[in-house]
N, C-alpha and C. Protein backbone atom coordinates (compact mmCIF):
# COMPACT_ATOMS: atom_id res chain seq x y z
N MET A 1 6.63 22.00 -25.18
CA MET A 1 7.76 21.66 -24.33
C MET A 1 7.34 20.57 -23.34
N SER A 2 8.17 19.58 -23.19
CA SER A 2 7.89 18.45 -22.31
C SER A 2 8.41 18.72 -20.90
N THR A 3 7.62 18.32 -19.93
CA THR A 3 8.07 18.44 -18.54
C THR A 3 8.50 17.07 -18.06
N ILE A 4 9.18 17.05 -16.91
CA ILE A 4 9.65 15.79 -16.34
C ILE A 4 8.47 14.88 -16.01
N LYS A 5 7.32 15.46 -15.65
CA LYS A 5 6.15 14.66 -15.28
C LYS A 5 5.59 13.88 -16.46
N SER A 6 5.86 14.32 -17.66
CA SER A 6 5.38 13.60 -18.84
C SER A 6 6.54 13.05 -19.67
N SER A 7 7.70 13.00 -19.08
CA SER A 7 8.89 12.61 -19.82
C SER A 7 9.03 11.09 -19.89
N PRO A 8 9.81 10.63 -20.86
CA PRO A 8 10.12 9.20 -20.93
C PRO A 8 10.81 8.69 -19.66
N TYR A 9 11.58 9.55 -19.01
CA TYR A 9 12.26 9.16 -17.76
C TYR A 9 11.25 8.72 -16.71
N LEU A 10 10.20 9.50 -16.53
CA LEU A 10 9.17 9.17 -15.54
C LEU A 10 8.44 7.90 -15.95
N TYR A 11 8.17 7.75 -17.23
CA TYR A 11 7.52 6.54 -17.72
C TYR A 11 8.37 5.31 -17.41
N VAL A 12 9.66 5.40 -17.66
CA VAL A 12 10.57 4.28 -17.38
C VAL A 12 10.61 3.98 -15.88
N LEU A 13 10.66 5.02 -15.08
CA LEU A 13 10.68 4.84 -13.62
C LEU A 13 9.40 4.15 -13.16
N GLN A 14 8.26 4.55 -13.68
CA GLN A 14 6.99 3.92 -13.31
C GLN A 14 6.97 2.46 -13.75
N HIS A 15 7.52 2.18 -14.90
CA HIS A 15 7.59 0.80 -15.38
C HIS A 15 8.50 -0.04 -14.46
N GLU A 16 9.63 0.52 -14.06
CA GLU A 16 10.53 -0.19 -13.14
C GLU A 16 9.83 -0.49 -11.82
N ILE A 17 9.07 0.47 -11.31
CA ILE A 17 8.34 0.28 -10.06
C ILE A 17 7.34 -0.86 -10.19
N GLN A 18 6.58 -0.86 -11.27
CA GLN A 18 5.59 -1.91 -11.48
C GLN A 18 6.27 -3.28 -11.62
N SER A 19 7.36 -3.33 -12.34
CA SER A 19 8.08 -4.60 -12.52
C SER A 19 8.64 -5.12 -11.20
N LEU A 20 9.19 -4.23 -10.40
CA LEU A 20 9.72 -4.63 -9.10
C LEU A 20 8.61 -5.13 -8.18
N ARG A 21 7.47 -4.46 -8.20
CA ARG A 21 6.33 -4.91 -7.38
C ARG A 21 5.93 -6.33 -7.77
N GLU A 22 5.78 -6.55 -9.06
CA GLU A 22 5.37 -7.86 -9.54
C GLU A 22 6.40 -8.93 -9.17
N HIS A 23 7.66 -8.60 -9.35
CA HIS A 23 8.74 -9.53 -9.04
C HIS A 23 8.77 -9.84 -7.54
N MET A 24 8.62 -8.82 -6.72
CA MET A 24 8.63 -9.02 -5.27
C MET A 24 7.47 -9.93 -4.84
N HIS A 25 6.28 -9.69 -5.39
CA HIS A 25 5.13 -10.53 -5.05
C HIS A 25 5.34 -11.97 -5.50
N GLN A 26 5.93 -12.13 -6.67
CA GLN A 26 6.18 -13.47 -7.20
C GLN A 26 7.17 -14.23 -6.31
N ILE A 27 8.27 -13.59 -5.94
CA ILE A 27 9.28 -14.23 -5.10
C ILE A 27 8.70 -14.54 -3.72
N ALA A 28 7.96 -13.61 -3.15
CA ALA A 28 7.36 -13.82 -1.83
C ALA A 28 6.38 -15.00 -1.88
N HIS A 29 5.62 -15.08 -2.95
CA HIS A 29 4.68 -16.19 -3.10
C HIS A 29 5.41 -17.52 -3.24
N GLU A 30 6.46 -17.54 -4.06
CA GLU A 30 7.22 -18.78 -4.28
C GLU A 30 7.91 -19.26 -3.00
N LYS A 31 8.49 -18.34 -2.27
CA LYS A 31 9.25 -18.70 -1.07
C LYS A 31 8.39 -18.77 0.18
N LYS A 32 7.15 -18.24 0.06
CA LYS A 32 6.22 -18.24 1.19
C LYS A 32 6.84 -17.65 2.45
N ASN A 33 7.62 -16.59 2.23
CA ASN A 33 8.34 -15.97 3.35
C ASN A 33 8.64 -14.51 2.99
N LEU A 34 7.97 -13.60 3.68
CA LEU A 34 8.17 -12.18 3.39
C LEU A 34 9.52 -11.66 3.88
N THR A 35 10.19 -12.41 4.73
CA THR A 35 11.49 -11.96 5.25
C THR A 35 12.66 -12.65 4.56
N ASP A 36 12.38 -13.36 3.50
CA ASP A 36 13.46 -13.98 2.71
C ASP A 36 14.38 -12.88 2.19
N PRO A 37 15.69 -13.10 2.22
CA PRO A 37 16.63 -12.06 1.77
C PRO A 37 16.35 -11.54 0.36
N ASP A 38 15.90 -12.38 -0.54
CA ASP A 38 15.59 -11.92 -1.89
C ASP A 38 14.39 -10.96 -1.89
N VAL A 39 13.38 -11.29 -1.11
CA VAL A 39 12.20 -10.42 -1.01
C VAL A 39 12.59 -9.09 -0.38
N VAL A 40 13.38 -9.14 0.66
CA VAL A 40 13.81 -7.91 1.34
C VAL A 40 14.64 -7.04 0.41
N ARG A 41 15.55 -7.66 -0.34
CA ARG A 41 16.40 -6.90 -1.27
C ARG A 41 15.56 -6.20 -2.33
N ILE A 42 14.60 -6.91 -2.90
CA ILE A 42 13.73 -6.31 -3.91
C ILE A 42 12.88 -5.20 -3.29
N SER A 43 12.39 -5.44 -2.09
CA SER A 43 11.60 -4.43 -1.39
C SER A 43 12.40 -3.15 -1.16
N GLN A 44 13.64 -3.30 -0.80
CA GLN A 44 14.50 -2.12 -0.58
C GLN A 44 14.74 -1.36 -1.87
N LEU A 45 14.96 -2.09 -2.95
CA LEU A 45 15.14 -1.45 -4.25
C LEU A 45 13.85 -0.74 -4.67
N LEU A 46 12.73 -1.39 -4.43
CA LEU A 46 11.45 -0.77 -4.73
C LEU A 46 11.26 0.51 -3.93
N ASP A 47 11.62 0.49 -2.66
CA ASP A 47 11.54 1.70 -1.83
C ASP A 47 12.37 2.84 -2.42
N GLU A 48 13.57 2.52 -2.89
CA GLU A 48 14.43 3.54 -3.49
C GLU A 48 13.76 4.15 -4.72
N LYS A 49 13.19 3.30 -5.56
CA LYS A 49 12.52 3.78 -6.78
C LYS A 49 11.29 4.61 -6.44
N LEU A 50 10.53 4.19 -5.43
CA LEU A 50 9.35 4.95 -5.02
C LEU A 50 9.75 6.31 -4.45
N ASN A 51 10.81 6.35 -3.68
CA ASN A 51 11.29 7.62 -3.15
C ASN A 51 11.74 8.55 -4.27
N LEU A 52 12.42 8.00 -5.25
CA LEU A 52 12.86 8.79 -6.39
C LEU A 52 11.65 9.31 -7.17
N HIS A 53 10.67 8.46 -7.37
CA HIS A 53 9.45 8.85 -8.08
C HIS A 53 8.77 10.01 -7.36
N HIS A 54 8.65 9.90 -6.06
CA HIS A 54 8.04 10.97 -5.26
C HIS A 54 8.85 12.27 -5.39
N LYS A 55 10.15 12.14 -5.33
CA LYS A 55 11.01 13.32 -5.44
C LYS A 55 10.84 14.00 -6.79
N VAL A 56 10.79 13.22 -7.84
CA VAL A 56 10.62 13.78 -9.18
C VAL A 56 9.28 14.50 -9.29
N LEU A 57 8.23 13.89 -8.79
CA LEU A 57 6.90 14.49 -8.90
C LEU A 57 6.74 15.74 -8.05
N THR A 58 7.38 15.78 -6.91
CA THR A 58 7.18 16.93 -6.02
C THR A 58 8.19 18.05 -6.25
N SER A 59 9.22 17.80 -7.02
CA SER A 59 10.24 18.84 -7.21
C SER A 59 10.02 19.65 -8.48
N HIS A 60 9.06 19.28 -9.29
CA HIS A 60 8.83 20.01 -10.55
C HIS A 60 7.41 20.47 -10.65
């Protein structure tokens, strides 16, 4: 029996987190501004995904 911790859902969530991190770093580097609206928007989305990841891991 598969648990949520080893499920495809968690794998996809981890992949999304990694992709968002890479994208945020790329945009921040290109714009040379950590407070650029695009960087902030991606950072906020990343925060949401990280919070969800934490919730999934601690609730099961």
